[in-house]
């Protein structure tokens, strides 16, 4: 009997211990589940907090920084266009120029990847920057009116851009301030984005027309439709080399403004957290001013060399007038198409225009010859030494 009671007591004790272990295990499991839910909530919050840190690691390493630049603003930036391959319809676009290449070099020094995000519209690029669809635009003034919200500016700027007034030689005027342009008619290039920076300083009676395309702007100046052109000294040097018009253009000696150009990051991209790293490398690079500016000026010279085989702007204008006369009287004429600023100069396009009308009357032929002579104008000449003290003009002339 005693043995029975002893075994019963042992069994009872073991069962109670077993039940207590089960209850403790259930309680512990319940506690773990609750703690896991809290941890998951914290991890979610942690993910939100750490997501930016993780993105910093991803941005530039796994995902490249998507970088756009100016569209048609040499030497700072332009877009190269590659014609579609046989069987394909899409053109290929690539950002190029000093600003994009400089940012790419900074990224390489930091071991970051860069994706060339070429646009055909600067406004579209800035819009997508604000939305976080791209990470960087390699070139803008610190102008809130044009930039808007959603952007972060990288300080310092990568270059100071001197703004000058250009005249047709023989029609120069002294310009010591914006007030000296009072009553005159001028033009400014849209793609340079300098109008919003300077328009508050212009006299109220000054007429300034924004022109799209450097070729159109310089045509206005050469034909006398505009009295002056407001432009970047560097951009003017590059385009004057391209158009071969250094003997026709006069630089006003005084610089009227020198706004800085900056790299702009998107606030909606966590890549902007890399901004300080880029700033450190940029500051170090700019300390060697000689090499830095030598590199920059190579883009001005390179732009001129790129168009060495292309006819000058005055020759092109004369040829266009000549062709227009021939077409009007019914001659068959081959017209060289105008190459867009964002296209590669190697792309050659021609259009053959033919009419069935033939000139048989001698009087008609004589009248055609007279009209042709009218449009074959020669570039304006000035006295020797005109504008010789101006460094930009001298530099361009020596280059040619």
Protein backbone atom coordinates (compact mmCIF):
# COMPACT_ATOMS: atom_id res chain seq x y z
CA UNK A 1 0.00 0.00 0.00
CA UNK A 2 2.74 2.36 0.90
CA UNK A 3 4.53 1.55 -2.34
CA UNK A 4 1.35 2.31 -4.24
CA UNK A 5 0.93 5.67 -2.50
CA UNK A 6 4.58 6.46 -3.15
CA UNK A 7 4.29 5.67 -6.85
CA UNK A 8 1.03 7.61 -7.07
CA UNK A 9 2.66 10.63 -5.41
CA UNK A 10 5.61 10.48 -7.76
CA UNK A 11 3.33 10.20 -10.78
CA UNK A 12 1.21 13.08 -9.55
CA UNK A 13 4.28 15.23 -9.00
CA UNK A 14 5.63 14.41 -12.42
CA UNK A 15 2.29 15.23 -14.07
CA UNK A 16 2.07 18.55 -12.23
CA UNK A 17 5.60 19.42 -13.27
CA UNK A 18 4.78 18.46 -16.84
CA UNK A 19 1.65 20.62 -16.81
CA UNK A 20 3.57 23.52 -15.31
CA UNK A 21 6.24 23.16 -18.01
CA UNK A 22 3.55 23.21 -20.72
CA UNK A 23 1.93 26.32 -19.22
CA UNK A 24 5.30 28.01 -18.88
CA UNK A 25 6.16 27.10 -22.46
CA UNK A 26 2.80 28.45 -23.70
CA UNK A 27 3.27 31.62 -21.69
CA UNK A 28 6.80 32.00 -23.03
CA UNK A 29 5.65 31.39 -26.60
CA UNK A 30 2.90 33.98 -26.16
CA UNK A 31 5.45 36.41 -24.81
CA UNK A 32 7.79 35.72 -27.73
CA UNK A 33 4.98 36.29 -30.24
CA UNK A 34 4.15 39.64 -28.68
CA UNK A 35 7.80 40.58 -28.60
CA UNK A 36 8.20 39.53 -32.25
CA UNK A 37 5.31 41.82 -33.26
CA UNK A 38 6.91 44.71 -31.45
CA UNK A 39 10.24 43.89 -33.01
CA UNK A 40 8.65 43.75 -36.41
CA UNK A 41 7.11 47.14 -35.80
CA UNK A 42 10.47 48.43 -34.68
CA UNK A 43 12.13 46.83 -37.68
CA UNK A 44 9.64 48.57 -39.91
CA UNK A 45 10.46 51.83 -38.23
CA UNK A 46 14.06 50.78 -38.34
CA UNK A 47 13.72 50.06 -42.03
CA UNK A 48 12.31 53.51 -42.54
CA UNK A 49 15.20 54.98 -40.61
CA UNK A 50 17.80 52.62 -42.00
CA UNK A 51 16.41 52.72 -45.49
CA UNK A 52 18.25 55.96 -46.10
CA UNK A 53 21.45 54.45 -44.75
CA UNK A 54 20.92 51.36 -46.89
CA UNK A 55 20.14 53.54 -49.89
CA UNK A 56 23.36 55.42 -49.30
CA UNK A 57 25.17 52.12 -49.69
CA UNK A 58 23.05 51.17 -52.71
CA UNK A 59 23.19 54.59 -54.35
CA UNK A 60 26.39 54.85 -56.32
CA UNK A 61 27.45 51.27 -55.64
CA UNK A 62 24.57 49.01 -56.69
CA UNK A 63 22.37 51.66 -58.31
CA UNK A 64 24.33 54.30 -60.27
CA UNK A 65 23.68 58.01 -59.81
CA UNK A 66 21.47 59.11 -62.70
CA UNK A 67 23.02 62.31 -64.04
CA UNK A 68 21.74 64.76 -66.67
CA UNK A 69 23.34 67.97 -67.88
CA UNK A 70 22.86 70.98 -70.16
CA UNK A 71 21.33 70.24 -73.54
CA UNK A 72 22.95 72.81 -75.87
CA UNK A 73 25.31 74.92 -73.80
CA UNK A 74 28.91 74.21 -74.83
CA UNK A 75 31.47 74.06 -73.29
CA UNK A 76 29.52 73.29 -70.09
CA UNK A 77 27.26 70.64 -71.55
CA UNK A 78 25.60 69.33 -74.67
CA UNK A 79 23.90 66.16 -75.93
CA UNK A 80 25.42 63.89 -78.54
CA UNK A 81 22.99 62.09 -80.81
CA UNK A 82 23.74 58.76 -82.47
CA UNK A 83 21.49 57.95 -85.45
CA UNK A 84 19.50 54.71 -85.23
CA UNK A 85 21.10 51.54 -86.51
CA UNK A 86 19.60 49.78 -89.55
CA UNK A 87 16.24 48.30 -88.64
CA UNK A 88 15.82 50.53 -85.58
CA UNK A 89 13.96 53.82 -85.22
CA UNK A 90 15.24 55.30 -81.98
CA UNK A 91 18.07 57.83 -81.73
CA UNK A 92 20.57 57.40 -78.91
CA UNK A 93 21.29 60.43 -76.70
CA UNK A 94 24.36 60.98 -74.50
CA UNK A 95 25.14 63.90 -72.21
CA UNK A 96 28.61 65.34 -72.73
CA UNK A 97 30.69 68.39 -71.89
CA UNK A 98 32.82 69.74 -69.07
CA UNK A 99 30.19 69.57 -66.31
CA UNK A 100 29.09 65.99 -66.93
CA UNK A 101 32.64 64.72 -67.38
CA UNK A 102 33.77 66.52 -64.23
CA UNK A 103 31.00 64.95 -62.15
CA UNK A 104 31.78 61.54 -63.60
CA UNK A 105 35.45 61.97 -62.63
CA UNK A 106 34.48 62.99 -59.09
CA UNK A 107 32.30 59.88 -58.86
CA UNK A 108 35.15 57.65 -60.05
CA UNK A 109 37.43 59.03 -57.36
CA UNK A 110 34.75 58.09 -54.83
CA UNK A 111 34.19 54.66 -56.47
CA UNK A 112 30.60 55.53 -57.38
CA UNK A 113 28.80 54.44 -60.52
CA UNK A 114 27.18 57.01 -62.82
CA UNK A 115 24.42 56.57 -65.38
CA UNK A 116 24.24 58.98 -68.31
CA UNK A 117 20.64 60.25 -68.26
CA UNK A 118 20.53 62.42 -71.38
CA UNK A 119 17.51 64.66 -71.98
CA UNK A 120 16.43 66.64 -74.97
CA UNK A 121 14.84 69.32 -72.78
CA UNK A 122 16.54 71.03 -69.83
CA UNK A 123 13.16 71.89 -68.37
CA UNK A 124 12.18 68.22 -68.42
CA UNK A 125 15.45 67.32 -66.70
CA UNK A 126 14.82 69.82 -63.89
CA UNK A 127 11.24 68.57 -63.54
CA UNK A 128 12.39 64.97 -63.18
CA UNK A 129 15.09 66.07 -60.74
CA UNK A 130 12.42 67.60 -58.50
CA UNK A 131 10.45 64.33 -58.69
CA UNK A 132 13.45 62.14 -57.92
CA UNK A 133 13.40 60.41 -61.30
CA UNK A 134 17.03 61.43 -61.74
CA UNK A 135 19.59 62.14 -59.03
CA UNK A 136 21.75 64.99 -60.34
CA UNK A 137 21.70 67.77 -62.94
CA UNK A 138 25.27 68.79 -63.71
CA UNK A 139 24.74 72.49 -64.23
CA UNK A 140 22.47 75.19 -62.89
CA UNK A 141 22.62 78.61 -61.31
CA UNK A 142 21.45 79.01 -57.72
CA UNK A 143 18.18 80.52 -58.89
CA UNK A 144 15.07 79.51 -56.96
CA UNK A 145 12.78 80.81 -59.71
CA UNK A 146 14.08 78.26 -62.18
CA UNK A 147 15.00 75.45 -59.78
CA UNK A 148 11.90 75.46 -57.57
CA UNK A 149 11.50 73.09 -54.63
CA UNK A 150 12.83 69.57 -54.17
CA UNK A 151 16.50 70.22 -54.95
CA UNK A 152 19.79 70.33 -53.04
CA UNK A 153 22.70 72.46 -54.23
CA UNK A 154 26.26 71.14 -53.94
CA UNK A 155 28.62 73.83 -52.69
CA UNK A 156 31.02 75.08 -53.92
CA UNK A 157 30.10 75.79 -57.53
CA UNK A 158 32.26 74.12 -60.14
CA UNK A 159 32.94 77.33 -62.09
CA UNK A 160 32.27 81.07 -62.07
CA UNK A 161 30.70 82.07 -65.39
CA UNK A 162 31.45 85.65 -66.55
CA UNK A 163 28.59 87.30 -68.46
CA UNK A 164 29.43 89.82 -71.18
CA UNK A 165 27.74 91.76 -73.97
CA UNK A 166 28.68 91.01 -77.58
CA UNK A 167 28.35 93.42 -80.52
CA UNK A 168 28.86 93.27 -84.25
CA UNK A 169 32.24 94.79 -85.02
CA UNK A 170 31.87 98.37 -86.10
CA UNK A 171 28.75 98.77 -83.97
CA UNK A 172 30.37 98.49 -80.54
CA UNK A 173 29.20 100.64 -77.66
CA UNK A 174 30.83 101.27 -74.28
CA UNK A 175 29.16 99.08 -71.67
CA UNK A 176 30.08 99.73 -68.05
CA UNK A 177 26.72 98.65 -66.61
CA UNK A 178 23.39 97.22 -67.67
CA UNK A 179 22.05 100.78 -67.93
CA UNK A 180 24.22 101.32 -71.01
CA UNK A 181 21.93 98.93 -72.90
CA UNK A 182 18.97 101.25 -72.42
CA UNK A 183 16.88 101.64 -75.57
CA UNK A 184 18.72 98.92 -77.48
CA UNK A 185 17.37 95.64 -78.76
CA UNK A 186 19.16 92.52 -77.62
CA UNK A 187 18.97 88.75 -77.54
CA UNK A 188 19.89 86.09 -74.99
CA UNK A 189 20.07 82.35 -75.50
CA UNK A 190 17.39 80.32 -73.70
CA UNK A 191 19.63 77.31 -73.16
CA UNK A 192 22.17 79.34 -71.16
CA UNK A 193 19.51 80.00 -68.48
CA UNK A 194 21.01 83.40 -67.61
CA UNK A 195 17.96 85.55 -68.35
CA UNK A 196 16.27 84.79 -65.03
CA UNK A 197 19.53 85.64 -63.26
CA UNK A 198 19.95 89.09 -64.82
CA UNK A 199 16.52 90.33 -65.93
CA UNK A 200 15.90 92.34 -62.74
CA UNK A 201 19.04 94.34 -63.45
CA UNK A 202 18.12 95.30 -67.03
CA UNK A 203 16.70 98.76 -67.81
CA UNK A 204 12.95 98.77 -68.24
CA UNK A 205 13.12 100.17 -71.78
CA UNK A 206 15.53 97.46 -72.93
CA UNK A 207 14.12 94.87 -75.30
CA UNK A 208 15.68 91.44 -74.74
CA UNK A 209 14.38 88.51 -76.75
CA UNK A 210 15.08 84.95 -75.64
CA UNK A 211 16.30 82.88 -78.59
CA UNK A 212 16.51 79.09 -78.78
CA UNK A 213 19.74 77.89 -80.33
CA UNK A 214 23.14 79.59 -80.53
CA UNK A 215 23.02 79.65 -84.32
CA UNK A 216 19.75 81.59 -84.33
CA UNK A 217 21.06 84.03 -81.71
CA UNK A 218 24.25 84.83 -83.63
CA UNK A 219 22.29 85.18 -86.88
CA UNK A 220 20.23 87.91 -85.22
CA UNK A 221 23.43 89.73 -84.32
CA UNK A 222 25.09 89.29 -87.73
CA UNK A 223 22.04 90.50 -89.67
CA UNK A 224 21.52 93.53 -87.44
CA UNK A 225 18.16 92.34 -86.13
CA UNK A 226 19.69 92.61 -82.66
CA UNK A 227 22.06 95.29 -81.38
CA UNK A 228 23.77 92.99 -78.89
CA UNK A 229 23.90 89.49 -77.43
CA UNK A 230 24.11 88.80 -73.69
CA UNK A 231 26.04 85.59 -73.15
CA UNK A 232 28.64 83.70 -71.16
CA UNK A 233 32.19 84.61 -72.17
CA UNK A 234 33.10 80.93 -72.31
CA UNK A 235 30.02 79.92 -74.29
CA UNK A 236 30.65 82.81 -76.71
CA UNK A 237 34.25 81.71 -77.26
CA UNK A 238 33.14 78.17 -78.01
CA UNK A 239 30.40 79.16 -80.45
CA UNK A 240 32.50 81.82 -82.20
CA UNK A 241 35.13 79.17 -82.86
CA UNK A 242 32.44 76.85 -84.14
CA UNK A 243 30.86 79.46 -86.44
CA UNK A 244 34.22 80.95 -87.57
CA UNK A 245 33.11 84.55 -86.93
CA UNK A 246 35.89 85.90 -84.70
CA UNK A 247 36.50 88.75 -87.18
CA UNK A 248 32.88 89.86 -86.99
CA UNK A 249 32.22 89.81 -83.22
CA UNK A 250 33.35 92.29 -80.58
CA UNK A 251 33.42 91.50 -76.83
CA UNK A 252 32.52 94.31 -74.45
CA UNK A 253 35.55 94.41 -72.10
CA UNK A 254 33.66 94.62 -68.81
CA UNK A 255 32.14 91.57 -67.14
CA UNK A 256 28.66 92.55 -65.90
CA UNK A 257 27.96 89.44 -63.80
CA UNK A 258 29.74 86.25 -62.71
CA UNK A 259 27.18 83.75 -61.39
CA UNK A 260 28.37 80.37 -60.17
CA UNK A 261 27.34 77.12 -61.81
CA UNK A 262 26.53 74.23 -59.46
CA UNK A 263 25.80 70.51 -59.37
CA UNK A 264 22.17 70.05 -58.25
CA UNK A 265 20.99 66.96 -56.35
CA UNK A 266 17.38 65.82 -55.99
CA UNK A 267 15.89 66.07 -52.48
CA UNK A 268 13.67 63.07 -53.31
CA UNK A 269 16.67 60.84 -53.96
CA UNK A 270 18.76 59.56 -51.08
CA UNK A 271 21.79 60.07 -53.29
CA UNK A 272 21.87 63.68 -52.11
CA UNK A 273 23.34 62.34 -48.84
CA UNK A 274 26.52 61.72 -50.84
CA UNK A 275 26.75 65.43 -51.58
CA UNK A 276 29.36 66.22 -48.92
CA UNK A 277 31.67 63.54 -50.28
CA UNK A 278 31.52 65.10 -53.72
CA UNK A 279 32.05 68.57 -52.23
CA UNK A 280 35.26 67.46 -50.51
CA UNK A 281 36.74 66.01 -53.70
CA UNK A 282 35.65 69.03 -55.78
CA UNK A 283 37.27 71.49 -53.37
CA UNK A 284 40.51 69.54 -53.51
CA UNK A 285 40.43 69.43 -57.31
CA UNK A 286 39.80 73.18 -57.61
CA UNK A 287 42.85 74.00 -55.49
CA UNK A 288 45.02 73.39 -58.54
CA UNK A 289 43.54 76.34 -60.46
CA UNK A 290 45.97 76.11 -63.38
CA UNK A 291 45.21 72.50 -64.27
CA UNK A 292 41.51 72.92 -63.50
CA UNK A 293 41.05 75.87 -65.88
CA UNK A 294 43.35 74.31 -68.46
CA UNK A 295 41.08 71.30 -68.52
CA UNK A 296 38.01 73.52 -68.82
CA UNK A 297 39.47 75.53 -71.71
CA UNK A 298 40.25 72.32 -73.56
CA UNK A 299 36.50 71.89 -73.96
CA UNK A 300 36.25 75.34 -75.61
CA UNK A 301 39.06 74.48 -78.05
CA UNK A 302 37.63 71.02 -78.60
CA UNK A 303 34.27 72.47 -79.56
CA UNK A 304 35.91 74.59 -82.24
CA UNK A 305 37.98 71.69 -83.58
CA UNK A 306 34.91 69.51 -83.74
CA UNK A 307 33.38 71.81 -86.37
CA UNK A 308 36.54 72.58 -88.37
CA UNK A 309 35.20 70.88 -91.49
CA UNK A 310 31.77 72.53 -91.24
CA UNK A 311 31.21 75.77 -93.23
CA UNK A 312 31.23 78.98 -91.20
CA UNK A 313 27.98 80.64 -90.24
CA UNK A 314 28.32 83.52 -92.74
CA UNK A 315 29.02 81.09 -95.57
CA UNK A 316 26.01 79.08 -94.52
CA UNK A 317 23.80 82.18 -94.45
CA UNK A 318 25.01 83.28 -97.89
CA UNK A 319 24.45 79.79 -99.29
CA UNK A 320 20.94 79.70 -97.84
CA UNK A 321 20.12 83.03 -99.50
CA UNK A 322 21.60 81.85 -102.78
CA UNK A 323 19.59 78.64 -102.65
CA UNK A 324 16.44 80.58 -101.87
CA UNK A 325 16.90 82.70 -104.98
CA UNK A 326 17.54 79.65 -107.14
CA UNK A 327 14.47 77.87 -105.79
CA UNK A 328 12.32 80.95 -106.40
CA UNK A 329 13.25 81.00 -110.09
CA UNK A 330 12.87 77.25 -110.51
CA UNK A 331 16.46 75.99 -110.41
CA UNK A 332 17.33 72.55 -109.09
CA UNK A 333 19.31 73.10 -105.89
CA UNK A 334 20.89 70.97 -103.23
CA UNK A 335 20.42 72.39 -99.75
CA UNK A 336 22.56 71.32 -96.77
CA UNK A 337 20.29 70.91 -93.75
CA UNK A 338 20.94 72.79 -90.56
CA UNK A 339 22.48 70.48 -87.98
CA UNK A 340 20.68 70.73 -84.65
CA UNK A 341 22.77 71.90 -81.70
CA UNK A 342 22.29 68.60 -79.91
CA UNK A 343 23.39 66.45 -82.86
CA UNK A 344 26.85 65.20 -83.64
CA UNK A 345 28.45 67.29 -86.38
CA UNK A 346 29.39 64.17 -88.29
CA UNK A 347 25.75 63.57 -89.18
CA UNK A 348 25.33 64.91 -92.71
CA UNK A 349 21.86 65.30 -94.18
CA UNK A 350 20.99 66.72 -97.60
CA UNK A 351 17.71 67.27 -99.38
CA UNK A 352 17.40 67.37 -103.17
CA UNK A 353 14.80 69.84 -104.36
CA UNK A 354 13.88 69.66 -108.03
CA UNK A 355 11.35 71.45 -110.17
CA UNK A 356 10.34 70.80 -113.77
CA UNK A 357 10.53 74.48 -114.69
CA UNK A 358 13.61 75.35 -116.73
CA UNK A 359 14.99 78.79 -117.47
CA UNK A 360 15.15 79.30 -121.20
CA UNK A 361 14.79 83.02 -121.53
CA UNK A 362 18.09 84.96 -121.45
CA UNK A 363 16.47 87.84 -119.61
CA UNK A 364 15.41 85.51 -116.82
CA UNK A 365 18.96 84.19 -116.53
CA UNK A 366 20.36 87.71 -116.27
CA UNK A 367 17.87 88.60 -113.55
CA UNK A 368 18.87 85.48 -111.63
CA UNK A 369 22.54 86.44 -111.82
CA UNK A 370 21.75 89.90 -110.48
CA UNK A 371 19.83 88.43 -107.55
CA UNK A 372 22.68 86.06 -106.77
CA UNK A 373 25.17 88.92 -106.66
CA UNK A 374 22.95 90.75 -104.20
CA UNK A 375 23.04 87.95 -101.64
CA UNK A 376 26.78 87.25 -101.91
CA UNK A 377 27.73 89.70 -99.20
CA UNK A 378 31.16 89.93 -97.65
CA UNK A 379 31.77 90.03 -93.91
CA UNK A 380 31.97 93.53 -92.42
CA UNK A 381 35.48 94.91 -92.19
CA UNK A 382 36.96 97.07 -89.50
CA UNK A 383 40.19 98.92 -89.07
CA UNK A 384 43.25 96.95 -88.12
CA UNK A 385 43.60 96.58 -84.42
CA UNK A 386 39.86 96.92 -83.62
CA UNK A 387 39.03 95.07 -80.44
CA UNK A 388 42.61 93.78 -80.25
CA UNK A 389 42.96 94.46 -76.50
CA UNK A 390 40.18 91.98 -75.70
CA UNK A 391 41.65 88.73 -74.50
CA UNK A 392 38.77 86.43 -75.61
CA UNK A 393 38.84 87.74 -79.19
CA UNK A 394 42.62 87.51 -79.36
CA UNK A 395 42.55 83.98 -78.07
CA UNK A 396 39.99 82.88 -80.64
CA UNK A 397 41.87 84.54 -83.50
CA UNK A 398 45.13 82.86 -82.51
CA UNK A 399 43.38 79.50 -82.33
CA UNK A 400 42.10 79.82 -85.88
